[in-house]
Amino acid sequence: MKQGDRSDIIMSYGRRGKMDWMTAIQRAIDYVEAHLDETADYGAVAREAASSPFNFQRMFAMVCGYTLGDYIRMRRLSVAADELYRTDDRIIDIALRSGYDTPESFSRAFTRFHGISPSEARHGGNVKSFSRLSVKLILEGGNIMDYRIEKADAFKVICRRKRVEKPQGDIATDDISGFWRECNEDGTVEKICGYADFDRFHGILGICFSGEMADNGFPYGIGAEYNGTKVAEDGFDIVEIPAHTYAVFTCRGRMPDAFRETYRRICTEFFPQNTAYEYGSGVELEVYPSADVQNPDYTCEIWIAVKEKKN
């Protein structure tokens, strides 16, 4: 058998890093491995990491470079190849354990991944091995991240919303980028400015309604803090955002690459190392002060709801 992809998640920690975050991630991976032959329950996986499904799936994709769904699929196909090689189980039974309803759908997925059919694998053909993940610790010097803590009372936003794919890798990012293009081209952003209060947030907002995530994705909004003016146009929602504490991060560079890199560092550096705050259960806000997002010196902000850690 050919050896496949990497098997370790390397988590970077400063000297004040905490092991509990790593332990939570490992618990989630262990849960996935123990339930590979069952229907994937992303909510249950996230609960093992004491996280929301939205935050865990986004963090997983940022850290690993592939989505949680891709990990489960590749692990199942790797295990299936091993079962074909060492057991006499029927292909239909292996297909069902691997999450496929028919031998045909299993055969197509198996062939795409391994390069040979299940029958060829059963007779000794070379297949790929995709090892289970494990979390390892490395110690590094301190890296600087620009952030501040803001406490915000409840406020209302006016926005146009669209359901986008789950936050797994670049799929959601592509959906959101297309939504921004649409709203800029059809005049939506200009209309929003007529109902906006820019005193708190100095720009147009991208709003991840992460608490409303479902199997078919989550709502993403483009809007602004609402100034109370009566809305004359259709197609806009007025949504009240509850009071939250936010960690606010400065993001510098050309979008969306700078956003991806900043969010990756939030997932792999800030939250693992921070001794005072952890993810809260609220919206995530992106604050864009202008439309000049391709400028290499562009600066925007990411607001993530947090809560104080319990000692």
C-alpha atoms as a PDB file:
ATOM      1  CA  MET A   1       0.000   0.000   0.000  1.00  0.00           C
ATOM      2  CA  LYS A   2       1.085   3.557  -0.699  1.00  0.00           C
ATOM      3  CA  GLN A   3       1.436   5.911   2.242  1.00  0.00           C
ATOM      4  CA  GLY A   4      -0.946   8.867   1.987  1.00  0.00           C
ATOM      5  CA  ASP A   5      -1.381  12.278   3.510  1.00  0.00           C
ATOM      6  CA  ARG A   6      -0.045  13.718   6.746  1.00  0.00           C
ATOM      7  CA  SER A   7      -1.442  12.418   9.998  1.00  0.00           C
ATOM      8  CA  ASP A   8      -0.597  15.166  12.493  1.00  0.00           C
ATOM      9  CA  ILE A   9      -2.172  18.485  13.370  1.00  0.00           C
ATOM     10  CA  ILE A  10       0.719  20.583  14.637  1.00  0.00           C
ATOM     11  CA  MET A  11      -0.583  23.195  17.060  1.00  0.00           C
ATOM     12  CA  SER A  12       1.623  26.198  17.788  1.00  0.00           C
ATOM     13  CA  TYR A  13       1.720  27.327  21.398  1.00  0.00           C
ATOM     14  CA  GLY A  14       3.449  30.142  23.196  1.00  0.00           C
ATOM     15  CA  ARG A  15       4.849  29.690  26.672  1.00  0.00           C
ATOM     16  CA  ARG A  16       1.486  30.482  28.239  1.00  0.00           C
ATOM     17  CA  GLY A  17      -0.456  28.061  26.043  1.00  0.00           C
ATOM     18  CA  LYS A  18      -3.012  25.729  27.579  1.00  0.00           C
ATOM     19  CA  MET A  19      -3.280  22.013  26.965  1.00  0.00           C
ATOM     20  CA  ASP A  20      -7.077  21.940  27.357  1.00  0.00           C
ATOM     21  CA  TRP A  21      -7.656  23.291  23.841  1.00  0.00           C
ATOM     22  CA  MET A  22      -5.480  20.581  22.324  1.00  0.00           C
ATOM     23  CA  THR A  23      -7.227  17.949  24.409  1.00  0.00           C
ATOM     24  CA  ALA A  24     -10.617  19.138  23.160  1.00  0.00           C
ATOM     25  CA  ILE A  25      -9.518  18.902  19.513  1.00  0.00           C
ATOM     26  CA  GLN A  26      -8.147  15.404  20.085  1.00  0.00           C
ATOM     27  CA  ARG A  27     -11.420  14.365  21.732  1.00  0.00           C
ATOM     28  CA  ALA A  28     -13.302  15.516  18.635  1.00  0.00           C
ATOM     29  CA  ILE A  29     -10.983  13.559  16.328  1.00  0.00           C
ATOM     30  CA  ASP A  30     -11.292  10.474  18.531  1.00  0.00           C
ATOM     31  CA  TYR A  31     -15.090  10.791  18.364  1.00  0.00           C
ATOM     32  CA  VAL A  32     -14.976  10.930  14.563  1.00  0.00           C
ATOM     33  CA  GLU A  33     -12.799   7.825  14.439  1.00  0.00           C
ATOM     34  CA  ALA A  34     -15.091   5.908  16.802  1.00  0.00           C
ATOM     35  CA  HIS A  35     -18.132   6.711  14.634  1.00  0.00           C
ATOM     36  CA  LEU A  36     -16.739   6.396  11.107  1.00  0.00           C
ATOM     37  CA  ASP A  37     -19.329   3.745  10.247  1.00  0.00           C
ATOM     38  CA  GLU A  38     -22.244   5.950  11.347  1.00  0.00           C
ATOM     39  CA  THR A  39     -23.952   8.980   9.815  1.00  0.00           C
ATOM     40  CA  ALA A  40     -21.711  11.991  10.411  1.00  0.00           C
ATOM     41  CA  ASP A  41     -23.039  14.173  13.241  1.00  0.00           C
ATOM     42  CA  TYR A  42     -21.125  17.449  13.023  1.00  0.00           C
ATOM     43  CA  GLY A  43     -22.890  18.848  16.070  1.00  0.00           C
ATOM     44  CA  ALA A  44     -21.763  15.922  18.218  1.00  0.00           C
ATOM     45  CA  VAL A  45     -18.189  16.279  16.948  1.00  0.00           C
ATOM     46  CA  ALA A  46     -18.171  19.985  17.830  1.00  0.00           C
ATOM     47  CA  ARG A  47     -19.551  19.276  21.301  1.00  0.00           C
ATOM     48  CA  GLU A  48     -16.576  17.013  21.985  1.00  0.00           C
ATOM     49  CA  ALA A  49     -14.399  20.083  21.393  1.00  0.00           C
ATOM     50  CA  ALA A  50     -16.710  22.292  23.503  1.00  0.00           C
ATOM     51  CA  SER A  51     -17.371  24.379  20.395  1.00  0.00           C
ATOM     52  CA  SER A  52     -20.213  25.282  18.078  1.00  0.00           C
ATOM     53  CA  PRO A  53     -20.528  23.380  14.773  1.00  0.00           C
ATOM     54  CA  PHE A  54     -19.790  26.598  12.878  1.00  0.00           C
ATOM     55  CA  ASN A  55     -16.635  27.492  14.791  1.00  0.00           C
ATOM     56  CA  PHE A  56     -15.298  23.942  14.908  1.00  0.00           C
ATOM     57  CA  GLN A  57     -15.748  23.270  11.194  1.00  0.00           C
ATOM     58  CA  ARG A  58     -14.170  26.578  10.229  1.00  0.00           C
ATOM     59  CA  MET A  59     -11.283  26.050  12.656  1.00  0.00           C
ATOM     60  CA  PHE A  60     -10.750  22.474  11.429  1.00  0.00           C
ATOM     61  CA  ALA A  61     -10.534  23.566   7.794  1.00  0.00           C
ATOM     62  CA  MET A  62      -8.187  26.454   8.623  1.00  0.00           C
ATOM     63  CA  VAL A  63      -5.838  24.266  10.660  1.00  0.00           C
ATOM     64  CA  CYS A  64      -5.867  21.101   8.559  1.00  0.00           C
ATOM     65  CA  GLY A  65      -6.135  22.450   5.038  1.00  0.00           C
ATOM     66  CA  TYR A  66      -9.149  20.244   4.256  1.00  0.00           C
ATOM     67  CA  THR A  67     -12.684  20.149   5.564  1.00  0.00           C
ATOM     68  CA  LEU A  68     -14.084  17.942   8.310  1.00  0.00           C
ATOM     69  CA  GLY A  69     -16.335  16.337   5.712  1.00  0.00           C
ATOM     70  CA  ASP A  70     -13.326  15.612   3.489  1.00  0.00           C
ATOM     71  CA  TYR A  71     -11.464  14.090   6.439  1.00  0.00           C
ATOM     72  CA  ILE A  72     -14.347  11.750   7.224  1.00  0.00           C
ATOM     73  CA  ARG A  73     -14.724  10.774   3.560  1.00  0.00           C
ATOM     74  CA  MET A  74     -11.012  10.062   3.072  1.00  0.00           C
ATOM     75  CA  ARG A  75     -10.729   8.116   6.317  1.00  0.00           C
ATOM     76  CA  ARG A  76     -13.749   5.988   5.394  1.00  0.00           C
ATOM     77  CA  LEU A  77     -12.332   5.215   1.951  1.00  0.00           C
ATOM     78  CA  SER A  78      -8.955   4.363   3.477  1.00  0.00           C
ATOM     79  CA  VAL A  79     -10.561   2.001   6.000  1.00  0.00           C
ATOM     80  CA  ALA A  80     -12.705   0.511   3.217  1.00  0.00           C
ATOM     81  CA  ALA A  81      -9.590  -0.335   1.196  1.00  0.00           C
ATOM     82  CA  ASP A  82      -8.104  -2.097   4.202  1.00  0.00           C
ATOM     83  CA  GLU A  83     -11.309  -4.101   4.716  1.00  0.00           C
ATOM     84  CA  LEU A  84     -11.387  -5.115   1.057  1.00  0.00           C
ATOM     85  CA  TYR A  85      -7.801  -6.302   1.345  1.00  0.00           C
ATOM     86  CA  ARG A  86      -8.011  -8.283   4.583  1.00  0.00           C
ATOM     87  CA  THR A  87     -11.643  -9.483   4.821  1.00  0.00           C
ATOM     88  CA  ASP A  88     -14.159 -11.378   2.693  1.00  0.00           C
ATOM     89  CA  ASP A  89     -16.994  -8.956   3.500  1.00  0.00           C
ATOM     90  CA  ARG A  90     -19.293  -8.141   0.604  1.00  0.00           C
ATOM     91  CA  ILE A  91     -18.621  -4.862  -1.203  1.00  0.00           C
ATOM     92  CA  ILE A  92     -22.214  -3.718  -0.486  1.00  0.00           C
ATOM     93  CA  ASP A  93     -21.658  -4.209   3.261  1.00  0.00           C
ATOM     94  CA  ILE A  94     -18.389  -2.241   3.174  1.00  0.00           C
ATOM     95  CA  ALA A  95     -20.118   0.451   1.107  1.00  0.00           C
ATOM     96  CA  LEU A  96     -22.891   0.841   3.682  1.00  0.00           C
ATOM     97  CA  ARG A  97     -20.410   1.048   6.571  1.00  0.00           C
ATOM     98  CA  SER A  98     -18.557   3.715   4.604  1.00  0.00           C
ATOM     99  CA  GLY A  99     -21.650   5.909   4.327  1.00  0.00           C
ATOM    100  CA  TYR A 100     -22.732   5.036   0.773  1.00  0.00           C
ATOM    101  CA  ASP A 101     -26.240   3.880  -0.116  1.00  0.00           C
ATOM    102  CA  THR A 102     -25.343   1.827  -3.189  1.00  0.00           C
ATOM    103  CA  PRO A 103     -22.338  -0.148  -4.483  1.00  0.00           C
ATOM    104  CA  GLU A 104     -22.294   2.162  -7.516  1.00  0.00           C
ATOM    105  CA  SER A 105     -21.868   5.396  -5.528  1.00  0.00           C
ATOM    106  CA  PHE A 106     -19.248   3.702  -3.343  1.00  0.00           C
ATOM    107  CA  SER A 107     -17.371   2.426  -6.402  1.00  0.00           C
ATOM    108  CA  ARG A 108     -17.288   5.898  -7.992  1.00  0.00           C
ATOM    109  CA  ALA A 109     -15.976   7.543  -4.797  1.00  0.00           C
ATOM    110  CA  PHE A 110     -13.496   4.725  -4.166  1.00  0.00           C
ATOM    111  CA  THR A 111     -12.120   4.920  -7.714  1.00  0.00           C
ATOM    112  CA  ARG A 112     -11.756   8.721  -7.567  1.00  0.00           C
ATOM    113  CA  PHE A 113      -9.795   8.470  -4.328  1.00  0.00           C
ATOM    114  CA  HIS A 114      -7.677   5.358  -4.889  1.00  0.00           C
ATOM    115  CA  GLY A 115      -7.367   5.317  -8.677  1.00  0.00           C
ATOM    116  CA  ILE A 116      -8.631   1.718  -8.899  1.00  0.00           C
ATOM    117  CA  SER A 117     -11.991   0.028  -8.384  1.00  0.00           C
ATOM    118  CA  PRO A 118     -13.017  -1.849  -5.216  1.00  0.00           C
ATOM    119  CA  SER A 119     -12.751  -5.134  -7.127  1.00  0.00           C
ATOM    120  CA  GLU A 120      -9.198  -4.334  -8.216  1.00  0.00           C
ATOM    121  CA  ALA A 121      -8.285  -3.388  -4.648  1.00  0.00           C
ATOM    122  CA  ARG A 122      -9.680  -6.712  -3.400  1.00  0.00           C
ATOM    123  CA  HIS A 123      -7.321  -8.524  -5.753  1.00  0.00           C
ATOM    124  CA  GLY A 124      -4.187  -6.778  -4.538  1.00  0.00           C
ATOM    125  CA  GLY A 125      -4.081  -3.446  -6.380  1.00  0.00           C
ATOM    126  CA  ASN A 126      -2.208  -0.504  -4.850  1.00  0.00           C
ATOM    127  CA  VAL A 127      -4.393   1.837  -2.792  1.00  0.00           C
ATOM    128  CA  LYS A 128      -3.853   5.009  -0.769  1.00  0.00           C
ATOM    129  CA  SER A 129      -3.597   5.117   3.001  1.00  0.00           C
ATOM    130  CA  PHE A 130      -5.006   8.215   4.712  1.00  0.00           C
ATOM    131  CA  SER A 131      -3.946   8.077   8.370  1.00  0.00           C
ATOM    132  CA  ARG A 132      -6.020   9.297  11.304  1.00  0.00           C
ATOM    133  CA  LEU A 133      -5.148  12.704  12.681  1.00  0.00           C
ATOM    134  CA  SER A 134      -3.383  13.285  15.960  1.00  0.00           C
ATOM    135  CA  VAL A 135      -2.645  16.552  17.711  1.00  0.00           C
ATOM    136  CA  LYS A 136       0.952  17.398  18.564  1.00  0.00           C
ATOM    137  CA  LEU A 137       2.436  20.317  20.436  1.00  0.00           C
ATOM    138  CA  ILE A 138       5.314  22.517  19.372  1.00  0.00           C
ATOM    139  CA  LEU A 139       6.615  25.468  21.366  1.00  0.00           C
ATOM    140  CA  GLU A 140       7.310  28.699  19.531  1.00  0.00           C
ATOM    141  CA  GLY A 141       8.252  32.251  20.376  1.00  0.00           C
ATOM    142  CA  GLY A 142       5.552  34.873  20.740  1.00  0.00           C
ATOM    143  CA  ASN A 143       3.834  36.167  17.620  1.00  0.00           C
ATOM    144  CA  ILE A 144       2.076  39.521  17.652  1.00  0.00           C
ATOM    145  CA  MET A 145      -1.610  39.809  16.780  1.00  0.00           C
ATOM    146  CA  ASP A 146      -3.410  43.148  16.825  1.00  0.00           C
ATOM    147  CA  TYR A 147      -6.628  42.781  18.787  1.00  0.00           C
ATOM    148  CA  ARG A 148      -8.762  44.475  21.417  1.00  0.00           C
ATOM    149  CA  ILE A 149     -11.709  43.461  23.582  1.00  0.00           C
ATOM    150  CA  GLU A 150     -14.969  45.375  23.015  1.00  0.00           C
ATOM    151  CA  LYS A 151     -18.187  45.092  24.996  1.00  0.00           C
ATOM    152  CA  ALA A 152     -21.187  45.958  22.835  1.00  0.00           C
ATOM    153  CA  ASP A 153     -24.766  46.502  23.968  1.00  0.00           C
ATOM    154  CA  ALA A 154     -27.552  45.019  21.861  1.00  0.00           C
ATOM    155  CA  PHE A 155     -28.003  46.734  18.491  1.00  0.00           C
ATOM    156  CA  LYS A 156     -29.913  46.247  15.247  1.00  0.00           C
ATOM    157  CA  VAL A 157     -28.528  45.656  11.774  1.00  0.00           C
ATOM    158  CA  ILE A 158     -30.170  46.077   8.406  1.00  0.00           C
ATOM    159  CA  CYS A 159     -28.964  43.485   5.963  1.00  0.00           C
ATOM    160  CA  ARG A 160     -29.626  41.326   2.967  1.00  0.00           C
ATOM    161  CA  ARG A 161     -29.105  37.655   3.790  1.00  0.00           C
ATOM    162  CA  LYS A 162     -28.194  34.597   1.757  1.00  0.00           C
ATOM    163  CA  ARG A 163     -27.664  30.992   2.812  1.00  0.00           C
ATOM    164  CA  VAL A 164     -24.149  29.855   1.933  1.00  0.00           C
ATOM    165  CA  GLU A 165     -22.293  26.574   2.204  1.00  0.00           C
ATOM    166  CA  LYS A 166     -20.936  25.371   5.539  1.00  0.00           C
ATOM    167  CA  PRO A 167     -17.696  27.076   6.632  1.00  0.00           C
ATOM    168  CA  GLN A 168     -15.515  24.259   5.357  1.00  0.00           C
ATOM    169  CA  GLY A 169     -12.507  25.564   3.476  1.00  0.00           C
ATOM    170  CA  ASP A 170     -12.914  27.800   0.425  1.00  0.00           C
ATOM    171  CA  ILE A 171     -16.450  26.735  -0.559  1.00  0.00           C
ATOM    172  CA  ALA A 172     -18.132  29.173   1.806  1.00  0.00           C
ATOM    173  CA  THR A 173     -15.536  31.828   0.971  1.00  0.00           C
ATOM    174  CA  ASP A 174     -16.356  31.577  -2.756  1.00  0.00           C
ATOM    175  CA  ASP A 175     -20.099  31.804  -2.063  1.00  0.00           C
ATOM    176  CA  ILE A 176     -19.582  34.869   0.098  1.00  0.00           C
ATOM    177  CA  SER A 177     -17.271  36.582  -2.411  1.00  0.00           C
ATOM    178  CA  GLY A 178     -19.904  36.083  -5.105  1.00  0.00           C
ATOM    179  CA  PHE A 179     -22.591  37.509  -2.819  1.00  0.00           C
ATOM    180  CA  TRP A 180     -20.492  40.636  -2.226  1.00  0.00           C
ATOM    181  CA  ARG A 181     -20.017  41.117  -5.975  1.00  0.00           C
ATOM    182  CA  GLU A 182     -23.750  40.765  -6.515  1.00  0.00           C
ATOM    183  CA  CYS A 183     -24.643  43.263  -3.781  1.00  0.00           C
ATOM    184  CA  ASN A 184     -22.132  45.812  -5.047  1.00  0.00           C
ATOM    185  CA  GLU A 185     -23.259  45.487  -8.665  1.00  0.00           C
ATOM    186  CA  ASP A 186     -27.024  45.614  -8.058  1.00  0.00           C
ATOM    187  CA  GLY A 187     -26.895  48.635  -5.730  1.00  0.00           C
ATOM    188  CA  THR A 188     -27.661  46.770  -2.498  1.00  0.00           C
ATOM    189  CA  VAL A 189     -24.630  48.171  -0.658  1.00  0.00           C
ATOM    190  CA  GLU A 190     -25.482  51.717  -1.737  1.00  0.00           C
ATOM    191  CA  LYS A 191     -29.054  51.281  -0.458  1.00  0.00           C
ATOM    192  CA  ILE A 192     -27.811  49.910   2.865  1.00  0.00           C
ATOM    193  CA  CYS A 193     -25.704  53.042   3.365  1.00  0.00           C
ATOM    194  CA  GLY A 194     -28.927  55.068   3.398  1.00  0.00           C
ATOM    195  CA  TYR A 195     -30.076  53.220   6.537  1.00  0.00           C
ATOM    196  CA  ALA A 196     -26.697  52.913   8.231  1.00  0.00           C
ATOM    197  CA  ASP A 197     -25.326  54.251  11.481  1.00  0.00           C
ATOM    198  CA  PHE A 198     -21.519  54.225  11.169  1.00  0.00           C
ATOM    199  CA  ASP A 199     -20.707  55.495  14.669  1.00  0.00           C
ATOM    200  CA  ARG A 200     -19.809  52.054  16.094  1.00  0.00           C
ATOM    201  CA  PHE A 201     -18.736  50.156  12.984  1.00  0.00           C
ATOM    202  CA  HIS A 202     -16.895  52.346  10.507  1.00  0.00           C
ATOM    203  CA  GLY A 203     -17.907  50.437   7.413  1.00  0.00           C
ATOM    204  CA  ILE A 204     -20.218  47.906   5.788  1.00  0.00           C
ATOM    205  CA  LEU A 205     -20.653  44.642   7.691  1.00  0.00           C
ATOM    206  CA  GLY A 206     -20.309  41.037   6.635  1.00  0.00           C
ATOM    207  CA  ILE A 207     -22.355  39.064   9.171  1.00  0.00           C
ATOM    208  CA  CYS A 208     -22.001  35.327   9.857  1.00  0.00           C
ATOM    209  CA  PHE A 209     -25.162  34.156  11.610  1.00  0.00           C
ATOM    210  CA  SER A 210     -23.289  31.125  12.907  1.00  0.00           C
ATOM    211  CA  GLY A 211     -25.952  30.199  15.448  1.00  0.00           C
ATOM    212  CA  GLU A 212     -28.372  29.437  12.597  1.00  0.00           C
ATOM    213  CA  MET A 213     -26.149  26.888  10.855  1.00  0.00           C
ATOM    214  CA  ALA A 214     -27.925  23.810   9.496  1.00  0.00           C
ATOM    215  CA  ASP A 215     -27.027  20.902   7.225  1.00  0.00           C
ATOM    216  CA  ASN A 216     -27.518  23.053   4.123  1.00  0.00           C
ATOM    217  CA  GLY A 217     -25.304  25.907   5.302  1.00  0.00           C
ATOM    218  CA  PHE A 218     -25.704  29.106   7.301  1.00  0.00           C
ATOM    219  CA  PRO A 219     -27.074  32.622   6.678  1.00  0.00           C
ATOM    220  CA  TYR A 220     -24.543  35.299   5.728  1.00  0.00           C
ATOM    221  CA  GLY A 221     -25.591  38.927   5.705  1.00  0.00           C
ATOM    222  CA  ILE A 222     -24.266  42.088   4.108  1.00  0.00           C
ATOM    223  CA  GLY A 223     -25.438  45.148   5.989  1.00  0.00           C
ATOM    224  CA  ALA A 224     -24.777  47.839   8.560  1.00  0.00           C
ATOM    225  CA  GLU A 225     -25.889  48.957  11.991  1.00  0.00           C
ATOM    226  CA  TYR A 226     -29.453  50.213  11.508  1.00  0.00           C
ATOM    227  CA  ASN A 227     -30.237  53.910  12.096  1.00  0.00           C
ATOM    228  CA  GLY A 228     -33.997  53.388  12.513  1.00  0.00           C
ATOM    229  CA  THR A 229     -35.143  55.014   9.269  1.00  0.00           C
ATOM    230  CA  LYS A 230     -38.238  53.382   7.757  1.00  0.00           C
ATOM    231  CA  VAL A 231     -37.146  50.937   5.060  1.00  0.00           C
ATOM    232  CA  ALA A 232     -38.793  51.603   1.698  1.00  0.00           C
ATOM    233  CA  GLU A 233     -37.318  48.701  -0.288  1.00  0.00           C
ATOM    234  CA  ASP A 234     -38.086  44.997  -0.112  1.00  0.00           C
ATOM    235  CA  GLY A 235     -35.471  42.307   0.453  1.00  0.00           C
ATOM    236  CA  PHE A 236     -33.896  43.631   3.657  1.00  0.00           C
ATOM    237  CA  ASP A 237     -34.029  42.135   7.158  1.00  0.00           C
ATOM    238  CA  ILE A 238     -33.820  44.051  10.420  1.00  0.00           C
ATOM    239  CA  VAL A 239     -32.073  41.787  12.934  1.00  0.00           C
ATOM    240  CA  GLU A 240     -31.335  42.492  16.590  1.00  0.00           C
ATOM    241  CA  ILE A 241     -27.882  41.408  17.712  1.00  0.00           C
ATOM    242  CA  PRO A 242     -27.768  40.638  21.462  1.00  0.00           C
ATOM    243  CA  ALA A 243     -25.192  42.201  23.770  1.00  0.00           C
ATOM    244  CA  HIS A 244     -21.831  40.453  23.511  1.00  0.00           C
ATOM    245  CA  THR A 245     -18.180  40.788  24.325  1.00  0.00           C
ATOM    246  CA  TYR A 246     -16.057  40.699  21.174  1.00  0.00           C
ATOM    247  CA  ALA A 247     -12.433  40.058  20.381  1.00  0.00           C
ATOM    248  CA  VAL A 248     -11.662  42.470  17.542  1.00  0.00           C
ATOM    249  CA  PHE A 249      -8.798  41.630  15.172  1.00  0.00           C
ATOM    250  CA  THR A 250      -7.145  43.873  12.612  1.00  0.00           C
ATOM    251  CA  CYS A 251      -6.763  42.308   9.178  1.00  0.00           C
ATOM    252  CA  ARG A 252      -4.294  43.839   6.707  1.00  0.00           C
ATOM    253  CA  GLY A 253      -3.778  43.017   3.048  1.00  0.00           C
ATOM    254  CA  ARG A 254      -5.594  42.079  -0.145  1.00  0.00           C
ATOM    255  CA  MET A 255      -8.897  40.240   0.298  1.00  0.00           C
ATOM    256  CA  PRO A 256      -9.789  37.395   0.590  1.00  0.00           C
ATOM    257  CA  ASP A 257      -6.252  36.050   1.162  1.00  0.00           C
ATOM    258  CA  ALA A 258      -5.568  38.391   4.086  1.00  0.00           C
ATOM    259  CA  PHE A 259      -8.865  37.394   5.696  1.00  0.00           C
ATOM    260  CA  ARG A 260      -8.037  33.679   5.398  1.00  0.00           C
ATOM    261  CA  GLU A 261      -4.585  34.179   6.917  1.00  0.00           C
ATOM    262  CA  THR A 262      -5.867  36.314   9.795  1.00  0.00           C
ATOM    263  CA  TYR A 263      -8.623  33.829  10.580  1.00  0.00           C
ATOM    264  CA  ARG A 264      -6.154  30.956  10.426  1.00  0.00           C
ATOM    265  CA  ARG A 265      -4.015  32.723  13.040  1.00  0.00           C
ATOM    266  CA  ILE A 266      -7.072  33.422  15.193  1.00  0.00           C
ATOM    267  CA  CYS A 267      -7.837  29.682  15.178  1.00  0.00           C
ATOM    268  CA  THR A 268      -4.299  28.374  15.618  1.00  0.00           C
ATOM    269  CA  GLU A 269      -2.670  31.075  17.763  1.00  0.00           C
ATOM    270  CA  PHE A 270      -5.092  33.379  19.562  1.00  0.00           C
ATOM    271  CA  PHE A 271      -7.668  30.950  20.955  1.00  0.00           C
ATOM    272  CA  PRO A 272      -5.250  28.137  21.828  1.00  0.00           C
ATOM    273  CA  GLN A 273      -2.966  30.547  23.692  1.00  0.00           C
ATOM    274  CA  ASN A 274      -5.418  32.972  25.262  1.00  0.00           C
ATOM    275  CA  THR A 275      -5.942  32.313  28.951  1.00  0.00           C
ATOM    276  CA  ALA A 276      -8.878  34.701  29.442  1.00  0.00           C
ATOM    277  CA  TYR A 277     -11.293  34.215  26.530  1.00  0.00           C
ATOM    278  CA  GLU A 278     -12.825  31.459  24.423  1.00  0.00           C
ATOM    279  CA  TYR A 279     -15.368  31.350  21.601  1.00  0.00           C
ATOM    280  CA  GLY A 280     -18.773  32.718  22.555  1.00  0.00           C
ATOM    281  CA  SER A 281     -22.123  31.916  20.996  1.00  0.00           C
ATOM    282  CA  GLY A 282     -22.835  34.898  18.805  1.00  0.00           C
ATOM    283  CA  VAL A 283     -22.476  36.351  15.349  1.00  0.00           C
ATOM    284  CA  GLU A 284     -19.154  37.043  13.696  1.00  0.00           C
ATOM    285  CA  LEU A 285     -18.754  40.422  12.059  1.00  0.00           C
ATOM    286  CA  GLU A 286     -16.436  41.629   9.312  1.00  0.00           C
ATOM    287  CA  VAL A 287     -16.104  45.425   9.079  1.00  0.00           C
ATOM    288  CA  TYR A 288     -15.091  46.747   5.654  1.00  0.00           C
ATOM    289  CA  PRO A 289     -14.395  50.525   5.606  1.00  0.00           C
ATOM    290  CA  SER A 290     -14.286  50.757   1.786  1.00  0.00           C
ATOM    291  CA  ALA A 291     -14.641  48.692  -1.377  1.00  0.00           C
ATOM    292  CA  ASP A 292     -10.905  48.887  -2.139  1.00  0.00           C
ATOM    293  CA  VAL A 293     -10.398  45.277  -1.034  1.00  0.00           C
ATOM    294  CA  GLN A 294      -7.711  44.483  -3.633  1.00  0.00           C
ATOM    295  CA  ASN A 295      -5.373  47.125  -2.231  1.00  0.00           C
ATOM    296  CA  PRO A 296      -2.346  45.366  -0.659  1.00  0.00           C
ATOM    297  CA  ASP A 297      -2.532  47.897   2.208  1.00  0.00           C
ATOM    298  CA  TYR A 298      -6.251  47.372   2.842  1.00  0.00           C
ATOM    299  CA  THR A 299      -7.281  47.240   6.520  1.00  0.00           C
ATOM    300  CA  CYS A 300     -10.502  45.810   7.950  1.00  0.00           C
ATOM    301  CA  GLU A 301     -11.644  44.187  11.201  1.00  0.00           C
ATOM    302  CA  ILE A 302     -12.990  40.808  12.332  1.00  0.00           C
ATOM    303  CA  TRP A 303     -15.272  40.831  15.387  1.00  0.00           C
ATOM    304  CA  ILE A 304     -15.732  37.438  17.097  1.00  0.00           C
ATOM    305  CA  ALA A 305     -18.066  36.961  20.064  1.00  0.00           C
ATOM    306  CA  VAL A 306     -16.148  35.620  23.064  1.00  0.00           C
ATOM    307  CA  LYS A 307     -16.782  34.726  26.680  1.00  0.00           C
ATOM    308  CA  GLU A 308     -14.516  34.619  29.679  1.00  0.00           C
ATOM    309  CA  LYS A 309     -13.001  31.250  30.504  1.00  0.00           C
ATOM    310  CA  LYS A 310     -14.049  29.612  33.727  1.00  0.00           C
ATOM    311  CA  ASN A 311     -11.080  28.743  35.933  1.00  0.00           C
END
